[in-house]
Amino acid sequence: MDFLRPATWEDALAMKAARPDATPIQGGTDVMVEINLDKGRPTALLDLNPVAELSRWSWTAGPAPMLRVGAGVTYTRLIAELGGWLPGLAQASRTVGSPQIRNRGTLVGNLGAASPAGDGHPPLLASGALVEAESVRGTRLIPIGEFYMGVKRNALEGDELIRAVHVPPAAGPQCFAKVGTRNAMVIAVCSFAVALDLRARRAGTGIGSAAPTPRRAHAAEEFLAGELDWDGAGPVDPALARRFGELVAEAAAPIDDVRGRADYRRHALAVMARRALGWAWAEREV
């Protein structure tokens, strides 16, 4: 196995262009597990840790600024530094592994791995994030819903690297929920995120670990946009919340595996979606 260690981003892009087979590594919390368990052995590793700019975040310019989160920003920093603007992602980040894993692991590493069970995917989908991919040929922004191509497959070309992810700041309450086989340090049996935009009167959703790729529940979003009393006081109508949960479950395409059965995942998603909507709606009055 070759080990490539660029000093700058330009060096990294040049090395990736020359070695499309090289696997990028930052925190190593996914890549090294695969290697240690002999589930995959890359022909080359591209170590991005020396590229200092990847560990920074900033605001994008324009009429609708987004938070540009560099590929090296860890879960711990996302929680501490960006949680006020990205509460859904911060909630999801708190469920990732142990403190040691959160200190090393990165949101963008989770994104690039494209595992359906990744905790960062549902909040990114619910928020409408953009993936900043770059190669020596140029830069492009990929809508998050177009990034996932299959189980652990993404839309990157062979010579591209993820430089950052662009995430809109919360325009209302956000909530993330996750079911696992135990209470902590666990891969999701299924997960769900909702993001309410109170001004635009719409909702975003994200489903994890219940289909070949992370996905949105479009029908559930349209239902909320048209049926939720956005000016109303008090809790969400139980019948509306129940229907929302049903539509979320219908959007999933789960399978039976060692972590859970498909029927259980659908049931859990309906319950999580119903509860997450209620929790998020209650937060708007805080």
Foldseek 3Di string as FASTA:
>chain_A
DAEAEDQEPVRLQVVLVVPLQEAEDFLCPPVVVCVVVVVDDGPYYYYPPNHVVQCDWDWDDDPQIWIWHGQNPFLVCCLVPVCVFQVAQNVLSVQAADPVCRVRHGLVVLLQQQALQRSNLWSLQFQFKWWWKDHPVGIDTHTSQQQRDFHRHGDDDSSIDTGTMTGGGAQAFKHKDFDFPDDGRGGGCKIKMKGANLVQQWMWMWIGNFARGIHTLVVLGVLRSPPWPSPDDDFTDLVNLLVSLLSQLVVGHHDDDPTGHNVVRSVVSSVVSSVRRRVRVVVRVD
